[in-house]
Amino acid sequence: MRISRSPLRTVLVAVLTLMLMPSVTVAAAPTGDDLDWEAIGDEAVALLQQYLRIDTTNPPGNEIAAAEFFAELLDAEGIESEVFESEPGRGNIVARLRGDGSRGGHVVLLNHMDVVPVSAEFWSVDPYGAEIVDGRMYGRGITDMKADGVVQLLALLALRRAGVELGRDVVFMGTAAEETGGVEGAGYIVENRPDLLEDVQFVLTEGGGGASLGNAEVHGIEVTQKTPLWLRLVARGPAGHGSRALEDSAANRLVRALDRIRTYRPPLQLVPAVANSIKASAQLEPDPDLRRAKRRIEENFSDPDVLGALSDQMGTLLRSTIAITMIEGSTKTNVISPRATAELDCRLLPGTDADLFIATLRDVIDDPDIEIETILRFETSESPRDTALWRAIEQAVRADSPEAIVMPSVLSGFTDSHYFREKGIVAYGWTPILSAPGDGPAHGVDERLSVEAIRKAPQRLYEVLELLAARR
């Protein structure tokens, strides 16, 4: 039997019910000021220690363990996440706080969960122990970029805990395999999960950051980067016994080619993105003559004194570079192998034609029988500066440090940003973790960060996101 109620009766019942209820005081919606940032700082330290102890060395990566670590934390806060693998063990995770779209397209907080291998015998502590010594936390991947992953997570959780009503989605994205090119991580998402990037306007990831300089802070926001071009040289020659010392062996031909590469220097160039970075940094230059030269760098670039000073400060951004990294030949001392290989890590200035660069390298080698194979190659583009995300970073930084300098930077390395820039998404490299003397080195021995900087970073990122995404 279906019982219908008249609209008037329903209204009367509701009114009488409210009249009989005890009076209550409606609390104001929480804000960032209501959050216990000291406690969140403690949480950042504790979670980062747990995260560093998850071994995600790439290869093989095992990022699925890190993705599940984040998923459990998100689930405990009532935030749904999706964990998926591009290949067995290559885990990725995406979680989203939804907004109503009134502020525009969405923002992705992007971090990669893999870390580079480590030579533990050279470390003073366990690389995966997350020990704290003299105010710094040590661990493989803490600077690249596990600390950022935890900070991004806590900023997302803080938005949730504060009940911030959002005008755009804020997306947490942890990916696999960045240290080997990102094909199984960010690249996989771009190619196979375009649904996750629908209406995404901004990506914030690694590549830039800030440091204290006197009474102010200096922040570089990475807007573009050098293009990686990884090449393999393959030399072939007669095989035989080591006692024969064959002049035209594959190893000898390879060594001759590598020596020519070693002594070759690509030409100095001033590309627009680097010029903009130099001009923005002029205000930091203590030498008045060099400061004036930097402000008009296009006119002064050919000055030998200016070139000399710039080469000392930022030489890798003034020319494309070639690093000889891996060399392989025979597997036995007394065997001349018919094949020898070497791998080159070339980093090209933005806008450099990769095909032309390879052709120039062939001329330098001057041996038509040595093959050049491409291992990794992609194009780069530049993100604009006149955006809501840039302004939010600038405003949040200057709220704490009114004299702070925020300027564009160019990265000599590479990140996953290029995958998103290729799709027209604005991608910036910037971390809210303020670097301190003695931090680092990324990929190096005794990688470490200031505990105090880790504690403060979630609040700063929260402030950026609140400015960028809170509904007005």
Protein backbone atom coordinates (compact mmCIF):
# COMPACT_ATOMS: atom_id res chain seq x y z
CA MET A 1 0.00 0.00 0.00
CA ARG A 2 1.30 3.48 -0.86
CA ILE A 3 0.51 6.30 1.57
CA SER A 4 0.61 9.83 0.16
CA ARG A 5 1.12 12.93 2.25
CA SER A 6 -0.10 16.37 1.39
CA PRO A 7 2.63 19.04 1.03
CA LEU A 8 0.95 21.14 3.74
CA ARG A 9 0.94 18.29 6.27
CA THR A 10 4.63 17.62 5.55
CA VAL A 11 5.54 21.26 6.18
CA LEU A 12 3.53 21.42 9.43
CA VAL A 13 5.19 18.29 10.77
CA ALA A 14 8.63 19.70 9.98
CA VAL A 15 7.86 23.01 11.70
CA LEU A 16 6.50 21.34 14.84
CA THR A 17 9.54 19.08 14.98
CA LEU A 18 11.90 22.05 14.84
CA MET A 19 9.94 23.89 17.55
CA LEU A 20 10.25 20.93 19.91
CA MET A 21 14.00 20.45 19.32
CA PRO A 22 16.47 22.00 21.82
CA SER A 23 18.20 25.12 20.54
CA VAL A 24 21.71 24.66 19.14
CA THR A 25 24.48 27.03 18.19
CA VAL A 26 25.65 26.62 14.61
CA ALA A 27 29.44 26.65 14.54
CA ALA A 28 31.27 28.63 11.88
CA ALA A 29 32.88 26.59 9.13
CA PRO A 30 36.50 25.71 10.00
CA THR A 31 39.31 27.45 8.22
CA GLY A 32 43.06 27.04 7.89
CA ASP A 33 43.45 29.14 11.04
CA ASP A 34 41.59 26.45 12.98
CA LEU A 35 44.03 23.74 11.97
CA ASP A 36 46.75 22.65 14.37
CA TRP A 37 49.78 23.23 12.17
CA GLU A 38 52.18 22.11 14.87
CA ALA A 39 50.45 18.74 14.95
CA ILE A 40 50.42 18.59 11.14
CA GLY A 41 54.15 19.32 11.19
CA ASP A 42 54.65 16.37 13.54
CA GLU A 43 52.49 14.29 11.20
CA ALA A 44 54.64 15.28 8.22
CA VAL A 45 57.79 14.10 9.95
CA ALA A 46 56.29 10.80 11.09
CA LEU A 47 54.67 9.99 7.74
CA LEU A 48 57.80 10.86 5.80
CA GLN A 49 59.83 8.49 7.95
CA GLN A 50 57.35 5.70 7.19
CA TYR A 51 57.38 6.55 3.48
CA LEU A 52 61.17 6.61 3.19
CA ARG A 53 61.32 3.13 4.66
CA ILE A 54 59.30 1.79 1.71
CA ASP A 55 61.96 0.80 -0.81
CA THR A 56 60.85 2.02 -4.24
CA THR A 57 64.26 1.93 -5.89
CA ASN A 58 63.90 2.02 -9.67
CA PRO A 59 64.57 -0.47 -11.08
CA PRO A 60 62.39 -2.34 -10.27
CA GLY A 61 60.33 0.44 -8.65
CA ASN A 62 57.71 -1.46 -6.64
CA GLU A 63 55.71 1.77 -6.51
CA ILE A 64 52.58 -0.25 -5.78
CA ALA A 65 53.70 -0.45 -2.13
CA ALA A 66 53.93 3.35 -1.94
CA ALA A 67 50.56 3.77 -3.69
CA GLU A 68 48.92 1.49 -1.15
CA PHE A 69 50.60 3.44 1.67
CA PHE A 70 48.96 6.64 0.41
CA ALA A 71 45.65 4.90 -0.24
CA GLU A 72 45.39 3.78 3.39
CA LEU A 73 46.04 7.31 4.63
CA LEU A 74 43.46 8.77 2.27
CA ASP A 75 40.90 6.13 3.18
CA ALA A 76 41.33 6.93 6.88
CA GLU A 77 40.29 10.52 6.09
CA GLY A 78 37.29 9.46 4.02
CA ILE A 79 38.86 10.34 0.67
CA GLU A 80 38.43 7.84 -2.12
CA SER A 81 41.46 6.99 -4.24
CA GLU A 82 42.20 4.84 -7.23
CA VAL A 83 45.31 2.66 -7.32
CA PHE A 84 46.23 1.08 -10.64
CA GLU A 85 49.25 -0.56 -12.24
CA SER A 86 50.68 0.21 -15.66
CA GLU A 87 52.71 -3.00 -15.34
CA PRO A 88 52.93 -5.49 -12.48
CA GLY A 89 54.33 -3.60 -9.48
CA ARG A 90 54.35 -0.21 -11.24
CA GLY A 91 51.70 1.44 -9.11
CA ASN A 92 50.04 4.83 -9.55
CA ILE A 93 47.48 6.55 -7.32
CA VAL A 94 44.96 9.33 -7.87
CA ALA A 95 42.70 10.99 -5.29
CA ARG A 96 40.45 14.00 -5.74
CA LEU A 97 38.76 16.68 -3.65
CA ARG A 98 35.95 17.96 -5.82
CA GLY A 99 35.07 21.59 -6.42
CA ASP A 100 32.13 23.20 -8.18
CA GLY A 101 34.18 24.54 -11.11
CA SER A 102 33.54 28.20 -10.29
CA ARG A 103 37.28 28.94 -10.14
CA GLY A 104 38.18 27.21 -13.41
CA GLY A 105 40.06 24.04 -14.33
CA HIS A 106 41.49 21.61 -11.84
CA VAL A 107 44.94 21.50 -10.23
CA VAL A 108 47.04 18.33 -9.95
CA LEU A 109 49.60 17.87 -7.19
CA LEU A 110 52.03 15.55 -8.95
CA ASN A 111 54.73 13.50 -7.26
CA HIS A 112 56.64 10.42 -8.32
CA MET A 113 57.11 7.55 -5.91
CA ASP A 114 60.22 5.89 -7.33
CA VAL A 115 63.78 6.73 -6.27
CA VAL A 116 67.18 6.16 -7.85
CA PRO A 117 69.50 3.33 -6.74
CA VAL A 118 71.88 3.86 -3.86
CA SER A 119 75.44 2.83 -2.99
CA ALA A 120 74.76 2.18 0.67
CA GLU A 121 78.42 1.60 1.56
CA PHE A 122 79.14 5.31 1.05
CA TRP A 123 76.35 6.55 3.31
CA SER A 124 76.88 7.45 6.96
CA VAL A 125 73.38 6.13 7.81
CA ASP A 126 70.95 3.53 6.48
CA PRO A 127 69.64 5.02 3.19
CA TYR A 128 66.20 3.59 3.95
CA GLY A 129 66.22 4.16 7.70
CA ALA A 130 64.84 7.74 7.73
CA GLU A 131 67.15 8.65 10.59
CA ILE A 132 67.19 12.17 12.02
CA VAL A 133 70.65 13.51 12.79
CA ASP A 134 71.35 17.07 13.92
CA GLY A 135 67.98 18.35 12.76
CA ARG A 136 68.03 16.71 9.33
CA MET A 137 66.24 13.64 8.08
CA TYR A 138 68.25 11.27 5.86
CA GLY A 139 66.90 8.93 3.23
CA ARG A 140 67.08 7.99 -0.41
CA GLY A 141 64.52 10.04 -2.29
CA ILE A 142 63.77 12.54 0.46
CA THR A 143 64.61 15.45 -1.87
CA ASP A 144 63.52 13.68 -5.07
CA MET A 145 60.70 13.59 -4.26
CA LYS A 146 59.25 11.71 -1.31
CA ALA A 147 59.12 14.71 1.01
CA ASP A 148 57.03 16.55 -1.56
CA GLY A 149 54.69 13.58 -1.83
CA VAL A 150 53.96 13.69 1.90
CA VAL A 151 53.61 17.48 1.89
CA GLN A 152 51.17 17.33 -1.02
CA LEU A 153 49.15 14.66 0.76
CA LEU A 154 48.95 16.66 3.98
CA ALA A 155 47.96 19.85 2.15
CA LEU A 156 45.10 17.89 0.54
CA LEU A 157 44.08 16.45 3.92
CA ALA A 158 44.22 19.91 5.48
CA LEU A 159 41.78 21.24 2.88
CA ARG A 160 39.47 18.36 3.78
CA ARG A 161 39.86 18.80 7.53
CA ALA A 162 39.23 22.55 7.31
CA GLY A 163 36.12 21.96 5.24
CA VAL A 164 37.26 24.33 2.52
CA GLU A 165 34.62 24.68 -0.19
CA LEU A 166 36.44 24.38 -3.47
CA GLY A 167 35.89 26.15 -6.76
CA ARG A 168 38.09 23.69 -8.63
CA ASP A 169 39.13 20.07 -8.05
CA VAL A 170 42.38 19.46 -6.19
CA VAL A 171 43.93 16.17 -7.33
CA PHE A 172 46.67 14.18 -5.63
CA MET A 173 48.62 12.09 -8.15
CA GLY A 174 51.48 9.76 -7.25
CA THR A 175 53.18 8.11 -10.20
CA ALA A 176 55.73 5.45 -11.08
CA ALA A 177 58.96 5.41 -13.03
CA GLU A 178 59.83 9.12 -13.31
CA GLU A 179 63.50 8.34 -12.75
CA THR A 180 63.55 6.24 -15.94
CA GLY A 181 61.46 8.53 -18.10
CA GLY A 182 57.96 8.18 -16.66
CA VAL A 183 56.54 5.91 -19.37
CA GLU A 184 54.93 3.62 -16.77
CA GLY A 185 53.76 6.58 -14.68
CA ALA A 186 52.83 10.05 -15.89
CA GLY A 187 53.28 8.96 -19.49
CA TYR A 188 50.93 6.03 -18.97
CA ILE A 189 48.28 8.29 -17.43
CA VAL A 190 48.47 10.80 -20.27
CA GLU A 191 48.19 8.09 -22.92
CA ASN A 192 45.83 5.61 -21.26
CA ARG A 193 43.84 7.51 -18.63
CA PRO A 194 42.87 10.83 -20.22
CA ASP A 195 39.75 10.79 -18.04
CA LEU A 196 41.96 11.67 -15.07
CA LEU A 197 43.14 14.82 -16.82
CA GLU A 198 39.80 16.09 -18.05
CA ASP A 199 39.50 19.84 -17.34
CA VAL A 200 42.91 19.93 -15.62
CA GLN A 201 44.38 23.42 -15.93
CA PHE A 202 47.46 23.22 -13.69
CA VAL A 203 50.07 20.70 -12.59
CA LEU A 204 52.40 21.44 -9.67
CA THR A 205 55.42 19.18 -9.28
CA GLU A 206 59.18 19.16 -8.69
CA GLY A 207 61.81 21.27 -10.44
CA GLY A 208 61.93 24.56 -8.54
CA GLY A 209 61.81 25.86 -5.02
CA GLY A 210 63.06 28.44 -2.60
CA ALA A 211 65.84 29.30 -0.20
CA SER A 212 66.49 32.01 2.35
CA LEU A 213 68.78 34.81 1.25
CA GLY A 214 69.42 37.30 4.02
CA ASN A 215 66.08 38.52 5.32
CA ALA A 216 64.11 37.42 2.26
CA GLU A 217 63.33 34.28 0.37
CA VAL A 218 64.16 33.56 -3.26
CA HIS A 219 61.85 31.21 -5.15
CA GLY A 220 62.42 29.87 -8.63
CA ILE A 221 59.37 28.48 -10.39
CA GLU A 222 60.43 26.12 -13.17
CA VAL A 223 58.60 26.94 -16.40
CA THR A 224 60.63 24.84 -18.84
CA GLN A 225 63.59 22.48 -18.89
CA LYS A 226 66.35 21.12 -21.02
CA THR A 227 65.34 18.25 -23.27
CA PRO A 228 66.84 14.84 -22.51
CA LEU A 229 68.24 12.97 -25.49
CA TRP A 230 69.70 9.65 -24.38
CA LEU A 231 71.80 7.98 -27.05
CA ARG A 232 73.64 4.69 -27.44
CA LEU A 233 76.76 4.39 -29.58
CA VAL A 234 77.31 0.94 -31.06
CA ALA A 235 80.75 0.03 -32.47
CA ARG A 236 81.54 -3.24 -34.21
CA GLY A 237 84.81 -4.85 -35.22
CA PRO A 238 86.69 -8.12 -35.50
CA ALA A 239 86.61 -10.48 -32.54
CA GLY A 240 89.55 -12.43 -31.24
CA HIS A 241 91.99 -13.30 -28.49
CA GLY A 242 93.16 -10.45 -26.30
CA SER A 243 96.78 -11.25 -27.17
CA ARG A 244 96.23 -10.09 -30.76
CA ALA A 245 95.56 -6.44 -29.85
CA LEU A 246 93.48 -5.71 -32.92
CA GLU A 247 93.79 -2.05 -33.89
CA ASP A 248 90.34 -1.87 -35.46
CA SER A 249 88.50 -3.62 -32.62
CA ALA A 250 85.05 -2.43 -31.57
CA ALA A 251 86.42 -1.17 -28.26
CA ASN A 252 89.18 0.86 -29.92
CA ARG A 253 86.78 2.43 -32.39
CA LEU A 254 84.42 3.28 -29.57
CA VAL A 255 87.20 4.85 -27.50
CA ARG A 256 88.24 7.04 -30.45
CA ALA A 257 84.64 8.18 -30.91
CA LEU A 258 84.23 8.92 -27.22
CA ASP A 259 87.43 10.95 -27.12
CA ARG A 260 86.13 13.14 -29.94
CA ILE A 261 82.87 13.60 -28.07
CA ARG A 262 84.73 14.36 -24.84
CA THR A 263 86.58 17.27 -26.42
CA TYR A 264 83.60 18.66 -28.33
CA ARG A 265 81.76 21.63 -26.84
CA PRO A 266 78.34 22.56 -28.23
CA PRO A 267 78.13 26.30 -28.90
CA LEU A 268 77.05 28.82 -26.28
CA GLN A 269 73.49 30.01 -26.77
CA LEU A 270 71.05 32.34 -25.05
CA VAL A 271 67.56 30.93 -25.43
CA PRO A 272 64.57 33.13 -24.46
CA ALA A 273 63.58 31.18 -21.34
CA VAL A 274 67.11 31.38 -19.94
CA ALA A 275 67.33 35.07 -20.83
CA ASN A 276 64.13 35.74 -18.86
CA SER A 277 65.52 33.86 -15.87
CA ILE A 278 68.79 35.82 -15.99
CA LYS A 279 66.96 39.15 -16.14
CA ALA A 280 64.69 38.18 -13.24
CA SER A 281 67.71 37.17 -11.14
CA ALA A 282 69.58 40.42 -11.83
CA GLN A 283 68.23 41.96 -8.62
CA LEU A 284 70.14 39.30 -6.65
CA GLU A 285 73.49 40.12 -8.27
CA PRO A 286 75.82 41.98 -5.85
CA ASP A 287 78.19 43.20 -8.57
CA PRO A 288 76.63 46.40 -9.99
CA ASP A 289 78.24 46.03 -13.42
CA LEU A 290 77.09 42.45 -13.80
CA ARG A 291 73.67 43.38 -12.44
CA ARG A 292 73.26 45.97 -15.19
CA ALA A 293 74.54 43.51 -17.79
CA LYS A 294 72.03 40.85 -16.69
CA ARG A 295 69.13 43.26 -16.99
CA ARG A 296 70.02 43.72 -20.67
CA ILE A 297 71.46 40.28 -21.20
CA GLU A 298 70.55 40.00 -24.89
CA GLU A 299 72.79 42.98 -25.59
CA ASN A 300 75.61 41.88 -23.30
CA PHE A 301 75.72 38.12 -23.84
CA SER A 302 78.77 38.22 -26.11
CA ASP A 303 80.83 40.24 -23.59
CA PRO A 304 83.66 37.89 -22.43
CA ASP A 305 83.44 39.10 -18.83
CA VAL A 306 79.70 38.55 -18.73
CA LEU A 307 80.03 35.14 -20.34
CA GLY A 308 82.69 34.15 -17.86
CA ALA A 309 80.57 35.14 -14.88
CA LEU A 310 77.47 33.45 -16.26
CA SER A 311 79.39 30.26 -17.05
CA ASP A 312 80.45 30.04 -13.42
CA GLN A 313 76.90 30.61 -12.18
CA MET A 314 74.79 28.66 -14.68
CA GLY A 315 76.99 27.11 -17.34
CA THR A 316 74.72 24.13 -18.06
CA LEU A 317 71.93 26.49 -19.13
CA LEU A 318 74.04 28.24 -21.73
CA ARG A 319 74.77 25.26 -23.93
CA SER A 320 73.55 21.77 -24.67
CA THR A 321 75.64 19.17 -22.84
CA ILE A 322 76.87 15.62 -23.43
CA ALA A 323 77.78 13.27 -20.58
CA ILE A 324 79.39 9.90 -21.26
CA THR A 325 77.77 7.57 -18.74
CA MET A 326 77.74 3.81 -19.50
CA ILE A 327 80.41 1.86 -21.39
CA GLU A 328 80.22 -1.86 -22.13
CA GLY A 329 82.43 -4.24 -24.09
CA SER A 330 83.85 -7.66 -23.52
CA THR A 331 82.82 -9.78 -20.56
CA LYS A 332 86.32 -11.32 -20.21
CA THR A 333 89.73 -9.73 -20.05
CA ASN A 334 91.37 -11.87 -22.74
CA VAL A 335 88.48 -11.72 -25.23
CA ILE A 336 88.15 -8.98 -27.85
CA SER A 337 84.42 -8.45 -28.26
CA PRO A 338 82.91 -7.84 -31.70
CA ARG A 339 80.63 -5.22 -30.13
CA ALA A 340 81.14 -2.31 -27.76
CA THR A 341 78.61 0.28 -26.63
CA ALA A 342 78.48 3.56 -24.77
CA GLU A 343 75.52 5.58 -23.59
CA LEU A 344 75.34 9.37 -23.66
CA ASP A 345 73.12 11.58 -21.56
CA CYS A 346 72.61 14.64 -23.76
CA ARG A 347 70.59 17.58 -22.44
CA LEU A 348 69.47 20.01 -25.12
CA LEU A 349 68.58 23.64 -24.61
CA PRO A 350 64.89 24.41 -25.12
CA GLY A 351 64.14 24.74 -28.80
CA THR A 352 67.13 22.70 -29.98
CA ASP A 353 66.47 20.47 -33.00
CA ALA A 354 67.30 16.93 -31.81
CA ASP A 355 67.78 15.59 -35.33
CA LEU A 356 70.25 18.35 -36.13
CA PHE A 357 72.07 17.69 -32.84
CA ILE A 358 72.44 14.00 -33.70
CA ALA A 359 73.69 14.91 -37.19
CA THR A 360 76.30 17.20 -35.63
CA LEU A 361 77.34 14.37 -33.32
CA ARG A 362 77.84 12.07 -36.32
CA ASP A 363 80.18 14.66 -37.82
CA VAL A 364 82.09 14.90 -34.53
CA ILE A 365 82.49 11.11 -34.31
CA ASP A 366 83.53 10.94 -37.95
CA ASP A 367 83.07 7.17 -38.21
CA PRO A 368 80.14 6.10 -40.42
CA ASP A 369 80.27 2.55 -39.08
CA ILE A 370 79.37 3.60 -35.53
CA GLU A 371 75.62 3.48 -35.07
CA ILE A 372 73.72 6.02 -32.97
CA GLU A 373 70.57 4.65 -31.37
CA THR A 374 68.02 6.79 -29.55
CA ILE A 375 67.07 5.52 -26.09
CA LEU A 376 64.95 8.42 -24.83
CA ARG A 377 63.73 11.53 -26.57
CA PHE A 378 60.91 14.01 -26.14
CA GLU A 379 60.19 17.66 -26.82
CA THR A 380 59.79 20.41 -24.24
CA SER A 381 57.64 23.52 -24.16
CA GLU A 382 57.32 26.49 -21.82
CA SER A 383 54.50 27.27 -19.41
CA PRO A 384 53.28 30.89 -19.23
CA ARG A 385 53.78 32.99 -16.10
CA ASP A 386 50.56 35.02 -16.15
CA THR A 387 48.38 32.44 -14.41
CA ALA A 388 46.33 32.02 -11.25
CA LEU A 389 48.71 29.37 -9.93
CA TRP A 390 51.77 31.62 -10.34
CA ARG A 391 49.94 34.44 -8.52
CA ALA A 392 48.85 32.09 -5.72
CA ILE A 393 52.42 30.91 -5.12
CA GLU A 394 53.69 34.48 -5.18
CA GLN A 395 51.01 35.70 -2.78
CA ALA A 396 51.45 32.83 -0.33
CA VAL A 397 55.24 33.22 -0.29
CA ARG A 398 55.07 36.97 0.25
CA ALA A 399 52.53 36.62 3.04
CA ASP A 400 55.32 35.00 5.05
CA SER A 401 58.25 36.87 3.51
CA PRO A 402 57.12 40.27 2.16
CA GLU A 403 60.43 40.91 0.40
CA ALA A 404 60.47 37.50 -1.28
CA ILE A 405 61.61 37.28 -4.87
CA VAL A 406 59.65 34.95 -7.12
CA MET A 407 61.13 34.38 -10.57
CA PRO A 408 61.02 31.93 -13.48
CA SER A 409 63.67 29.26 -13.72
CA VAL A 410 64.86 26.73 -16.28
CA LEU A 411 65.75 23.22 -15.14
CA SER A 412 68.89 21.59 -16.47
CA GLY A 413 67.42 18.20 -15.63
CA PHE A 414 63.95 16.96 -16.56
CA THR A 415 60.74 15.99 -14.80
CA ASP A 416 57.35 14.60 -15.79
CA SER A 417 56.11 18.13 -16.54
CA HIS A 418 56.69 17.69 -20.26
CA TYR A 419 53.93 15.08 -20.54
CA PHE A 420 51.38 17.66 -19.38
CA ARG A 421 52.82 20.66 -21.20
CA GLU A 422 52.53 18.69 -24.42
CA LYS A 423 48.77 18.52 -23.73
CA GLY A 424 48.47 22.27 -23.18
CA ILE A 425 48.36 22.05 -19.37
CA VAL A 426 50.30 24.67 -17.41
CA ALA A 427 52.95 22.82 -15.39
CA TYR A 428 55.22 24.43 -12.82
CA GLY A 429 58.10 23.00 -10.84
CA TRP A 430 58.02 24.36 -7.29
CA THR A 431 58.26 22.93 -3.81
CA PRO A 432 57.07 24.60 -0.60
CA ILE A 433 59.99 22.98 1.24
CA LEU A 434 62.44 25.80 1.84
CA SER A 435 65.98 24.55 1.28
CA ALA A 436 68.67 25.18 3.86
CA PRO A 437 72.48 24.98 3.77
CA GLY A 438 73.50 21.36 4.18
CA ASP A 439 70.40 19.89 2.50
CA GLY A 440 70.65 17.51 -0.46
CA PRO A 441 72.14 16.28 -2.62
CA ALA A 442 69.44 14.75 -4.83
CA HIS A 443 70.64 11.37 -6.14
CA GLY A 444 73.74 11.76 -3.97
CA VAL A 445 75.24 10.28 -0.83
CA ASP A 446 73.56 11.13 2.50
CA GLU A 447 70.52 12.74 0.85
CA ARG A 448 68.83 14.82 3.54
CA LEU A 449 66.46 17.68 4.39
CA SER A 450 65.91 20.02 7.30
CA VAL A 451 63.23 18.66 9.62
CA GLU A 452 62.05 22.20 10.34
CA ALA A 453 61.54 22.86 6.62
CA ILE A 454 59.54 19.64 6.31
CA ARG A 455 57.33 20.66 9.23
CA LYS A 456 56.48 24.07 7.76
CA ALA A 457 55.88 23.03 4.15
CA PRO A 458 52.31 21.61 4.40
CA GLN A 459 50.94 24.93 5.66
CA ARG A 460 52.57 26.89 2.85
CA LEU A 461 51.20 24.55 0.19
CA TYR A 462 47.79 24.66 1.85
CA GLU A 463 47.87 28.46 1.63
CA VAL A 464 48.70 28.28 -2.09
CA LEU A 465 45.83 25.86 -2.71
CA GLU A 466 43.39 27.91 -0.64
CA LEU A 467 44.23 30.99 -2.71
CA LEU A 468 43.99 29.05 -5.95
CA ALA A 469 41.03 26.75 -5.37
CA ALA A 470 38.80 27.96 -2.53
CA ARG A 471 35.33 28.95 -3.69
CA ARG A 472 34.77 32.69 -3.58
